[in-house]
Amino acid sequence: MRQFFIFCFGLYVWLLGSGCGKPQSVDVWPPPRPLGADTAIRTKESPLFSPPKGTLTLSQVLALSIQYGPNLPVAVWTVRAGEAKIKQVSRRPDPELETELETLGEIETTIQLKYLIELGRKRIRRQTVAQLSARLLGWEYEGQRLDTLTETTLAFIDVLQAQALVAVNQGLVQLAEQIFSTVRRQVELGVKAGIEQAPAQIELANSRLTLKQSQQSLVVARQALAATWGQATPTFDRVEGQLEAVSSVPPIEQLLEQMMSPELARWQTEIELRKAIIEIEKSNRRPDITVGGGFKHLSPSSGENSLMAVTSLSVPLPVLNQNRGAILVAKSNLQKSHAERAKAEMHLGIKLAQAHHKLVSAHETIHQLKEEILPLAQSAFEATVAGQRLGKIAGLELTNAQRTLFEIKRSYTGALAEYHRVVAHIERLIGQPLNNLVPGR
């Protein structure tokens, strides 16, 4: 009897110990895409936030949004939950203590220690499924990281454009003030009729209104940029960037060849997961067994007690259910994943082709504005100013030339900003900086 209790206790300790092994270490965080790879990746708690001051560059802004932005923590903790699930499914099942008491005629007490033995490598296959599922969550985090970088870049471009427009409109106000002063002196000297002062005065008032509106737009853009790192009120002074830095456009074939989007890379993990699920459904065809051991105590009415050892073995008979339906479902989901990957590749290719067309168009617009239209408008305005000083051109013509020049300048600034926005969208689609594909960019 004593040896039997020692055996049961030893078996219980061994079963507990066998379930405490560490699961296989797997890095569920996929390698970061080249886009923003030099920016710190948020997988741990961020340091204490310090409000940014002074002038910020794009790299500084991206680092702030990755470290303190409100979007990434959700994705981070989702991956952490996937890691925790790997640990949980790696544990073996606990043993069961079963007690039976019968009081019909004589008292029988049965105590058994039972343990489920999983066959067909079910636990390891569950662990594989959990690892691949967590890996998919890691790809979702990587996609969210690139989304954060892109959203921040677009907000940075908005501020850069707003600053440039404020500078353009300030120049417009200064020029309008000079023209108005010149026309007013000419009217006072009797060189011009008084009615010619009105167009210059109207243009001055309109330019001041335009400047005020652009300043308000800058305030909104600054707030939107600060919100990308979770700051309600911006504390920085301005941003610094090269809005006029424009490079040649790589061919669409090169962009397609260098595709490193996490939305495509994830499908390899998805397909591996579907294959692992097929294997676990196949292993479920093999029934598990439950073994037990213990003792039975008999207390008959005669008063004589007896104690005997008992063992048990439970084996399900897979006669009616061999899990064929679940296997077919898993195989169908695998084929579905292949189809979904092809669909994702097609949609991403279409988006990339559309963005590439926009980039080519923006590049051509910038070239035409910079090399042809803007110089012509500048020359026409200067000629109009010279003619107005000589009294050969009316004030209305001068204000029209002035308005045309600064509308073209604003269009040029808008075209530059649009070019960089399209670049940011393309970089998000291919998962890497465009300067990796453009020599000398």
Protein backbone atom coordinates (compact mmCIF):
# COMPACT_ATOMS: atom_id res chain seq x y z
CA MET A 1 0.00 0.00 0.00
CA ARG A 2 2.80 2.41 0.88
CA GLN A 3 4.62 1.63 -2.36
CA PHE A 4 1.44 2.29 -4.31
CA PHE A 5 1.03 5.76 -2.76
CA ILE A 6 4.67 6.52 -3.51
CA PHE A 7 4.10 5.44 -7.12
CA CYS A 8 1.00 7.65 -7.47
CA PHE A 9 2.77 10.60 -5.92
CA GLY A 10 5.79 10.14 -8.19
CA LEU A 11 3.56 9.86 -11.24
CA TYR A 12 1.76 13.06 -10.28
CA VAL A 13 5.00 14.96 -9.75
CA TRP A 14 6.34 13.73 -13.11
CA LEU A 15 3.18 14.80 -14.91
CA LEU A 16 3.31 18.25 -13.35
CA GLY A 17 6.96 18.61 -14.24
CA SER A 18 6.44 17.52 -17.82
CA GLY A 19 3.88 20.29 -18.26
CA CYS A 20 6.16 23.07 -17.08
CA GLY A 21 8.68 23.00 -19.89
CA LYS A 22 9.35 26.21 -21.73
CA PRO A 23 7.85 26.53 -25.21
CA GLN A 24 10.13 26.85 -28.17
CA SER A 25 11.35 30.43 -28.52
CA VAL A 26 9.98 32.01 -31.71
CA ASP A 27 10.33 35.62 -32.78
CA VAL A 28 6.84 36.63 -33.84
CA TRP A 29 8.00 40.11 -34.86
CA PRO A 30 8.76 40.00 -38.60
CA PRO A 31 11.82 41.85 -39.90
CA PRO A 32 10.90 45.50 -40.48
CA ARG A 33 10.48 46.71 -44.02
CA PRO A 34 13.18 49.11 -45.28
CA LEU A 35 10.76 52.03 -45.03
CA GLY A 36 11.48 53.68 -41.70
CA ALA A 37 13.79 50.87 -40.61
CA ASP A 38 16.15 53.44 -39.09
CA THR A 39 13.31 54.67 -36.88
CA ALA A 40 13.04 53.07 -33.45
CA ILE A 41 10.41 50.32 -33.45
CA ARG A 42 7.97 50.39 -30.58
CA THR A 43 7.92 46.94 -29.02
CA LYS A 44 8.52 48.10 -25.46
CA GLU A 45 7.30 50.91 -23.26
CA SER A 46 8.30 54.33 -24.59
CA PRO A 47 10.46 56.69 -22.53
CA LEU A 48 8.90 59.70 -20.82
CA PHE A 49 7.53 62.15 -23.37
CA SER A 50 9.32 65.47 -23.72
CA PRO A 51 7.47 68.09 -25.83
CA PRO A 52 9.52 68.89 -28.95
CA LYS A 53 10.83 72.42 -29.35
CA GLY A 54 12.33 74.48 -32.15
CA THR A 55 12.61 73.23 -35.72
CA LEU A 56 11.79 69.61 -36.53
CA THR A 57 12.99 67.50 -39.44
CA LEU A 58 11.09 64.61 -41.00
CA SER A 59 13.24 61.99 -39.26
CA GLN A 60 12.57 63.60 -35.87
CA VAL A 61 8.85 63.75 -36.54
CA LEU A 62 8.73 60.09 -37.59
CA ALA A 63 10.58 59.03 -34.45
CA LEU A 64 8.07 60.94 -32.31
CA SER A 65 5.07 59.34 -34.00
CA ILE A 66 6.49 55.82 -33.67
CA GLN A 67 7.42 56.23 -30.01
CA TYR A 68 4.42 58.20 -28.76
CA GLY A 69 1.69 57.89 -31.41
CA PRO A 70 -1.72 56.61 -30.25
CA ASN A 71 -2.11 53.93 -32.95
CA LEU A 72 0.79 51.54 -32.39
CA PRO A 73 0.17 50.53 -28.74
CA VAL A 74 -2.97 48.62 -29.76
CA ALA A 75 -1.01 46.62 -32.35
CA VAL A 76 1.85 46.03 -29.91
CA TRP A 77 -0.39 44.58 -27.21
CA THR A 78 -2.19 42.45 -29.77
CA VAL A 79 1.12 40.81 -30.66
CA ARG A 80 1.94 40.42 -26.97
CA ALA A 81 -1.35 38.56 -26.52
CA GLY A 82 -0.34 36.26 -29.37
CA GLU A 83 2.96 35.56 -27.63
CA ALA A 84 1.10 34.72 -24.42
CA LYS A 85 -1.13 32.31 -26.32
CA ILE A 86 1.95 30.44 -27.56
CA LYS A 87 2.99 29.87 -23.97
CA GLN A 88 -0.47 28.68 -23.00
CA VAL A 89 -0.90 26.11 -25.78
CA SER A 90 2.58 24.75 -25.03
CA ARG A 91 1.38 23.44 -21.66
CA ARG A 92 0.39 19.81 -21.26
CA PRO A 93 -3.06 19.00 -19.83
CA ASP A 94 -3.39 18.68 -16.08
CA PRO A 95 -4.06 15.27 -14.49
CA GLU A 96 -7.50 14.61 -13.00
CA LEU A 97 -8.33 13.20 -9.59
CA GLU A 98 -11.50 11.12 -9.72
CA THR A 99 -13.41 9.78 -6.70
CA GLU A 100 -16.39 7.39 -6.74
CA LEU A 101 -18.48 6.40 -3.74
CA GLU A 102 -21.04 3.54 -3.84
CA THR A 103 -23.23 2.76 -0.82
CA LEU A 104 -25.49 0.02 -2.20
CA GLY A 105 -25.10 -3.05 0.03
CA GLU A 106 -21.51 -2.27 0.93
CA ILE A 107 -19.49 0.93 0.81
CA GLU A 108 -17.05 1.12 -2.10
CA THR A 109 -14.68 4.07 -2.44
CA THR A 110 -12.59 4.39 -5.61
CA ILE A 111 -9.90 7.03 -6.06
CA GLN A 112 -8.03 7.33 -9.36
CA LEU A 113 -5.49 9.66 -10.85
CA LYS A 114 -6.24 10.03 -14.57
CA TYR A 115 -4.22 11.65 -17.30
CA LEU A 116 -5.00 12.43 -20.93
CA ILE A 117 -2.27 11.33 -23.33
CA GLU A 118 -2.50 13.24 -26.61
CA LEU A 119 -1.41 11.28 -29.66
CA GLY A 120 -0.54 12.50 -33.12
CA ARG A 121 1.71 15.37 -31.94
CA LYS A 122 -1.37 17.50 -31.23
CA ARG A 123 0.28 19.76 -28.66
CA ILE A 124 3.25 20.58 -30.89
CA ARG A 125 0.96 21.26 -33.82
CA ARG A 126 -1.21 23.54 -31.69
CA GLN A 127 1.95 25.36 -30.74
CA THR A 128 2.88 25.74 -34.42
CA VAL A 129 -0.56 27.18 -35.19
CA ALA A 130 -0.25 29.63 -32.29
CA GLN A 131 3.20 30.70 -33.44
CA LEU A 132 2.06 31.34 -37.00
CA SER A 133 -1.05 33.15 -35.77
CA ALA A 134 1.13 35.41 -33.64
CA ARG A 135 3.40 35.93 -36.63
CA LEU A 136 0.39 37.20 -38.60
CA LEU A 137 -0.30 39.65 -35.79
CA GLY A 138 3.31 40.75 -36.13
CA TRP A 139 2.70 41.46 -39.82
CA GLU A 140 -0.35 43.50 -38.87
CA TYR A 141 1.85 45.51 -36.52
CA GLU A 142 4.34 46.09 -39.34
CA GLY A 143 1.54 47.31 -41.58
CA GLN A 144 0.33 49.63 -38.82
CA ARG A 145 3.87 50.92 -38.38
CA LEU A 146 4.11 51.79 -42.07
CA ASP A 147 0.67 53.40 -41.91
CA THR A 148 1.86 55.56 -39.03
CA LEU A 149 4.98 56.57 -40.93
CA THR A 150 2.94 57.45 -44.01
CA GLU A 151 0.30 59.41 -42.11
CA THR A 152 3.01 61.35 -40.31
CA THR A 153 4.87 62.03 -43.55
CA LEU A 154 1.69 63.35 -45.16
CA ALA A 155 1.02 65.58 -42.16
CA PHE A 156 4.63 66.81 -42.34
CA ILE A 157 4.17 67.65 -46.04
CA ASP A 158 0.99 69.56 -45.20
CA VAL A 159 2.88 71.73 -42.71
CA LEU A 160 5.75 72.21 -45.14
CA GLN A 161 3.31 73.30 -47.85
CA ALA A 162 1.42 75.59 -45.47
CA GLN A 163 4.67 77.26 -44.43
CA ALA A 164 5.63 77.76 -48.08
CA LEU A 165 2.22 79.25 -48.90
CA VAL A 166 2.45 81.65 -45.98
CA ALA A 167 5.84 82.78 -47.28
CA VAL A 168 4.42 83.22 -50.81
CA ASN A 169 1.43 85.17 -49.52
CA GLN A 170 3.65 87.35 -47.34
CA GLY A 171 5.60 88.25 -50.47
CA LEU A 172 2.31 88.97 -52.22
CA VAL A 173 1.23 91.35 -49.45
CA GLN A 174 4.57 93.17 -49.52
CA LEU A 175 4.39 93.55 -53.29
CA ALA A 176 0.75 94.66 -53.15
CA GLU A 177 1.68 97.30 -50.57
CA GLN A 178 4.48 98.59 -52.79
CA ILE A 179 2.22 98.76 -55.85
CA PHE A 180 -0.54 100.47 -53.90
CA SER A 181 1.92 103.05 -52.55
CA THR A 182 3.26 103.70 -56.05
CA VAL A 183 -0.20 104.12 -57.56
CA ARG A 184 -1.32 106.34 -54.71
CA ARG A 185 1.68 108.65 -55.20
CA GLN A 186 0.96 108.80 -58.92
CA VAL A 187 -2.65 109.73 -58.18
CA GLU A 188 -1.54 112.38 -55.70
CA LEU A 189 0.86 113.82 -58.30
CA GLY A 190 -1.88 113.83 -60.90
CA VAL A 191 -0.13 111.32 -63.13
CA LYS A 192 -2.96 108.81 -62.73
CA ALA A 193 -6.66 109.23 -62.34
CA GLY A 194 -8.10 108.52 -58.91
CA ILE A 195 -10.12 105.60 -60.18
CA GLU A 196 -6.90 103.68 -60.97
CA GLN A 197 -6.12 103.51 -57.25
CA ALA A 198 -9.11 101.24 -56.54
CA PRO A 199 -7.78 98.06 -58.23
CA ALA A 200 -4.49 98.28 -56.32
CA GLN A 201 -6.34 98.86 -53.05
CA ILE A 202 -8.67 95.93 -53.69
CA GLU A 203 -5.72 93.67 -54.55
CA LEU A 204 -3.96 94.69 -51.32
CA ALA A 205 -7.01 93.86 -49.21
CA ASN A 206 -7.46 90.55 -51.01
CA SER A 207 -3.80 89.60 -50.56
CA ARG A 208 -4.02 90.33 -46.83
CA LEU A 209 -7.11 88.11 -46.58
CA THR A 210 -5.31 85.34 -48.48
CA LEU A 211 -2.36 85.61 -46.10
CA LYS A 212 -4.63 85.35 -43.07
CA GLN A 213 -6.34 82.27 -44.49
CA SER A 214 -3.00 80.59 -45.20
CA GLN A 215 -1.86 81.35 -41.65
CA GLN A 216 -5.01 79.70 -40.30
CA SER A 217 -4.38 76.68 -42.53
CA LEU A 218 -0.86 76.47 -41.10
CA VAL A 219 -2.27 76.39 -37.56
CA VAL A 220 -4.56 73.48 -38.48
CA ALA A 221 -1.73 71.60 -40.22
CA ARG A 222 0.56 72.04 -37.21
CA GLN A 223 -2.12 70.65 -34.89
CA ALA A 224 -2.66 67.65 -37.17
CA LEU A 225 1.07 66.93 -37.23
CA ALA A 226 1.39 67.18 -33.44
CA ALA A 227 -1.57 64.80 -33.07
CA THR A 228 0.42 62.05 -34.80
CA TRP A 229 2.53 61.73 -31.64
CA GLY A 230 -0.41 62.35 -29.30
CA GLN A 231 0.17 66.03 -28.53
CA ALA A 232 -2.95 68.21 -28.50
CA THR A 233 -1.16 71.56 -28.75
CA PRO A 234 2.00 71.84 -30.88
CA THR A 235 5.08 73.14 -29.09
CA PHE A 236 7.51 73.13 -32.02
CA ASP A 237 8.20 76.30 -34.00
CA ARG A 238 8.37 75.03 -37.57
CA VAL A 239 9.41 72.09 -39.73
CA GLU A 240 12.34 71.94 -42.08
CA GLY A 241 12.39 70.05 -45.36
CA GLN A 242 13.23 70.28 -49.03
CA LEU A 243 9.92 70.74 -50.79
CA GLU A 244 11.66 71.39 -54.11
CA ALA A 245 13.71 68.17 -53.97
CA VAL A 246 12.31 66.31 -56.97
CA SER A 247 13.90 63.24 -58.57
CA SER A 248 13.33 61.23 -61.70
CA VAL A 249 10.52 58.70 -61.65
CA PRO A 250 11.57 55.01 -61.74
CA PRO A 251 9.73 52.76 -64.20
CA ILE A 252 6.70 50.89 -62.94
CA GLU A 253 8.41 47.54 -63.68
CA GLN A 254 11.16 48.39 -61.20
CA LEU A 255 8.62 49.26 -58.52
CA LEU A 256 6.79 45.97 -59.03
CA GLU A 257 10.04 44.00 -58.81
CA GLN A 258 11.06 45.70 -55.55
CA MET A 259 7.72 45.21 -53.81
CA MET A 260 8.26 44.65 -50.06
CA SER A 261 4.80 45.38 -48.75
CA PRO A 262 3.81 43.62 -45.51
CA GLU A 263 0.35 43.13 -47.03
CA LEU A 264 2.00 40.75 -49.51
CA ALA A 265 4.65 39.27 -47.21
CA ARG A 266 1.99 38.21 -44.69
CA TRP A 267 0.44 35.76 -47.14
CA GLN A 268 3.38 33.37 -46.92
CA THR A 269 2.75 33.14 -43.17
CA GLU A 270 -0.99 32.84 -43.80
CA ILE A 271 -0.47 29.88 -46.15
CA GLU A 272 1.88 28.20 -43.68
CA LEU A 273 -0.78 28.67 -41.00
CA ARG A 274 -3.44 27.06 -43.19
CA LYS A 275 -1.15 24.09 -43.83
CA ALA A 276 -0.51 23.75 -40.09
CA ILE A 277 -4.26 23.75 -39.43
CA ILE A 278 -4.66 20.93 -41.95
CA GLU A 279 -2.05 18.92 -40.06
CA ILE A 280 -3.74 19.50 -36.72
CA GLU A 281 -7.11 18.46 -38.16
CA LYS A 282 -5.50 15.30 -39.53
CA SER A 283 -4.01 14.55 -36.13
CA ASN A 284 -7.46 14.97 -34.58
CA ARG A 285 -8.48 11.81 -36.45
CA ARG A 286 -6.24 9.90 -34.08
CA PRO A 287 -8.06 9.54 -30.75
CA ASP A 288 -6.38 10.37 -27.48
CA ILE A 289 -6.25 7.91 -24.62
CA THR A 290 -6.88 8.47 -20.95
CA VAL A 291 -5.03 6.29 -18.46
CA GLY A 292 -5.74 6.08 -14.78
CA GLY A 293 -4.51 4.37 -11.68
CA GLY A 294 -5.62 4.26 -8.08
CA PHE A 295 -7.22 2.04 -5.48
CA LYS A 296 -10.63 0.79 -4.39
CA HIS A 297 -11.60 0.44 -0.75
CA LEU A 298 -14.34 -2.05 0.20
CA SER A 299 -16.20 -1.83 3.50
CA PRO A 300 -18.63 -4.79 3.55
CA SER A 301 -21.35 -5.22 6.14
CA SER A 302 -19.38 -8.02 7.77
CA GLY A 303 -16.88 -5.43 8.91
CA GLU A 304 -13.91 -6.80 7.00
CA ASN A 305 -12.17 -4.13 4.93
CA SER A 306 -10.21 -4.78 1.77
CA LEU A 307 -8.09 -2.58 -0.47
CA MET A 308 -7.21 -3.29 -4.10
CA ALA A 309 -5.40 -1.44 -6.87
CA VAL A 310 -7.35 -0.39 -9.98
CA THR A 311 -6.29 0.83 -13.39
CA SER A 312 -8.32 2.24 -16.26
CA LEU A 313 -7.88 2.94 -19.94
CA SER A 314 -10.28 5.02 -22.02
CA VAL A 315 -10.00 5.05 -25.82
CA PRO A 316 -12.60 6.77 -28.08
CA LEU A 317 -13.60 4.69 -31.09
CA PRO A 318 -13.49 6.84 -34.25
CA VAL A 319 -16.22 4.93 -36.04
CA LEU A 320 -18.76 7.65 -36.85
CA ASN A 321 -16.54 10.73 -36.82
CA GLN A 322 -13.10 10.69 -38.44
CA ASN A 323 -12.91 14.48 -38.70
CA ARG A 324 -13.16 14.39 -42.48
CA GLY A 325 -15.36 17.47 -42.62
CA ALA A 326 -12.90 19.58 -40.62
CA ILE A 327 -10.05 18.42 -42.85
CA LEU A 328 -11.98 19.45 -45.97
CA VAL A 329 -12.70 22.84 -44.42
CA ALA A 330 -9.02 23.34 -43.63
CA LYS A 331 -8.00 22.36 -47.16
CA SER A 332 -10.59 24.71 -48.64
CA ASN A 333 -9.26 27.54 -46.49
CA LEU A 334 -5.76 26.83 -47.82
CA GLN A 335 -6.95 27.19 -51.41
CA LYS A 336 -8.84 30.31 -50.38
CA SER A 337 -5.61 31.78 -49.00
CA HIS A 338 -3.85 31.18 -52.32
CA ALA A 339 -6.70 32.94 -54.13
CA GLU A 340 -6.68 35.82 -51.65
CA ARG A 341 -2.94 36.27 -52.10
CA ALA A 342 -3.37 36.48 -55.87
CA LYS A 343 -6.19 38.97 -55.36
CA ALA A 344 -4.05 41.07 -53.00
CA GLU A 345 -1.18 41.08 -55.49
CA MET A 346 -3.50 42.23 -58.26
CA HIS A 347 -5.09 45.01 -56.20
CA LEU A 348 -1.72 46.21 -54.96
CA GLY A 349 -0.39 46.23 -58.51
CA ILE A 350 -3.37 48.31 -59.65
CA LYS A 351 -2.90 50.79 -56.81
CA LEU A 352 0.80 51.04 -57.60
CA ALA A 353 0.13 51.63 -61.30
CA GLN A 354 -2.36 54.38 -60.47
CA ALA A 355 0.04 56.03 -58.03
CA HIS A 356 2.87 55.77 -60.55
CA HIS A 357 0.71 57.54 -63.15
CA LYS A 358 -0.01 60.32 -60.65
CA LEU A 359 3.69 60.61 -59.87
CA VAL A 360 4.60 60.95 -63.54
CA SER A 361 1.89 63.57 -63.97
CA ALA A 362 3.04 65.52 -60.90
CA HIS A 363 6.65 65.38 -62.08
CA GLU A 364 5.68 66.73 -65.51
CA THR A 365 3.54 69.47 -63.96
CA ILE A 366 6.41 70.61 -61.75
CA HIS A 367 8.80 70.67 -64.69
CA GLN A 368 6.41 72.68 -66.85
CA LEU A 369 5.62 75.18 -64.09
CA LYS A 370 9.25 75.64 -63.12
CA GLU A 371 10.85 75.74 -66.56
CA GLU A 372 8.15 77.40 -68.67
CA ILE A 373 5.13 78.92 -66.99
CA LEU A 374 6.72 80.50 -63.91
CA PRO A 375 9.56 82.25 -65.81
CA LEU A 376 7.06 83.59 -68.37
CA ALA A 377 4.75 84.89 -65.65
CA GLN A 378 7.70 86.49 -63.85
CA SER A 379 8.88 88.19 -67.05
CA ALA A 380 5.37 89.39 -67.87
CA PHE A 381 4.94 90.83 -64.39
CA GLU A 382 8.28 92.63 -64.48
CA ALA A 383 7.45 94.08 -67.89
CA THR A 384 4.07 95.22 -66.58
CA VAL A 385 5.70 96.91 -63.57
CA ALA A 386 8.16 98.71 -65.84
CA GLY A 387 5.36 99.84 -68.14
CA GLN A 388 3.26 101.01 -65.21
CA ARG A 389 6.11 103.15 -63.91
CA LEU A 390 6.37 104.79 -67.34
CA GLY A 391 2.66 105.42 -67.32
CA LYS A 392 2.00 103.14 -70.27
CA ILE A 393 0.05 100.46 -68.39
CA ALA A 394 -3.01 100.93 -66.23
CA GLY A 395 -3.17 99.81 -62.62
CA LEU A 396 -5.77 97.14 -63.41
CA GLU A 397 -3.38 95.39 -65.79
CA LEU A 398 -0.67 95.50 -63.15
CA THR A 399 -2.87 93.90 -60.50
CA ASN A 400 -3.92 91.21 -62.99
CA ALA A 401 -0.27 90.43 -63.76
CA GLN A 402 0.51 90.36 -60.04
CA ARG A 403 -2.42 88.04 -59.30
CA THR A 404 -1.44 85.71 -62.14
CA LEU A 405 2.18 85.48 -60.97
CA PHE A 406 1.30 84.55 -57.41
CA GLU A 407 -1.42 82.13 -58.44
CA ILE A 408 1.23 80.30 -60.47
CA LYS A 409 3.60 80.37 -57.48
CA ARG A 410 0.89 78.83 -55.32
CA SER A 411 0.20 76.24 -58.01
CA TYR A 412 3.90 75.40 -58.11
CA THR A 413 3.96 74.94 -54.33
CA GLY A 414 0.85 72.76 -54.52
CA ALA A 415 2.37 70.65 -57.30
CA LEU A 416 5.51 70.08 -55.24
CA ALA A 417 3.46 69.04 -52.22
CA GLU A 418 1.34 66.70 -54.34
CA TYR A 419 4.48 65.11 -55.77
CA HIS A 420 5.79 64.32 -52.30
CA ARG A 421 2.39 63.01 -51.19
CA VAL A 422 2.32 60.57 -54.10
CA VAL A 423 5.89 59.53 -53.26
CA ALA A 424 4.77 58.81 -49.68
CA HIS A 425 1.86 56.68 -50.93
CA ILE A 426 4.12 54.73 -53.29
CA GLU A 427 6.66 54.12 -50.53
CA ARG A 428 3.84 52.73 -48.39
CA LEU A 429 2.79 50.39 -51.19
CA ILE A 430 6.29 49.05 -51.88
CA GLY A 431 7.44 49.12 -48.25
CA GLN A 432 10.70 50.94 -48.88
CA PRO A 433 11.96 54.46 -49.64
CA LEU A 434 11.79 55.52 -53.25
CA ASN A 435 15.36 56.80 -53.05
CA ASN A 436 16.46 53.17 -52.80
CA LEU A 437 15.32 52.80 -56.41
CA VAL A 438 16.38 56.21 -57.78
CA PRO A 439 20.17 56.65 -58.02
CA GLY A 440 21.39 59.88 -56.50
CA ARG A 441 18.07 60.75 -54.92
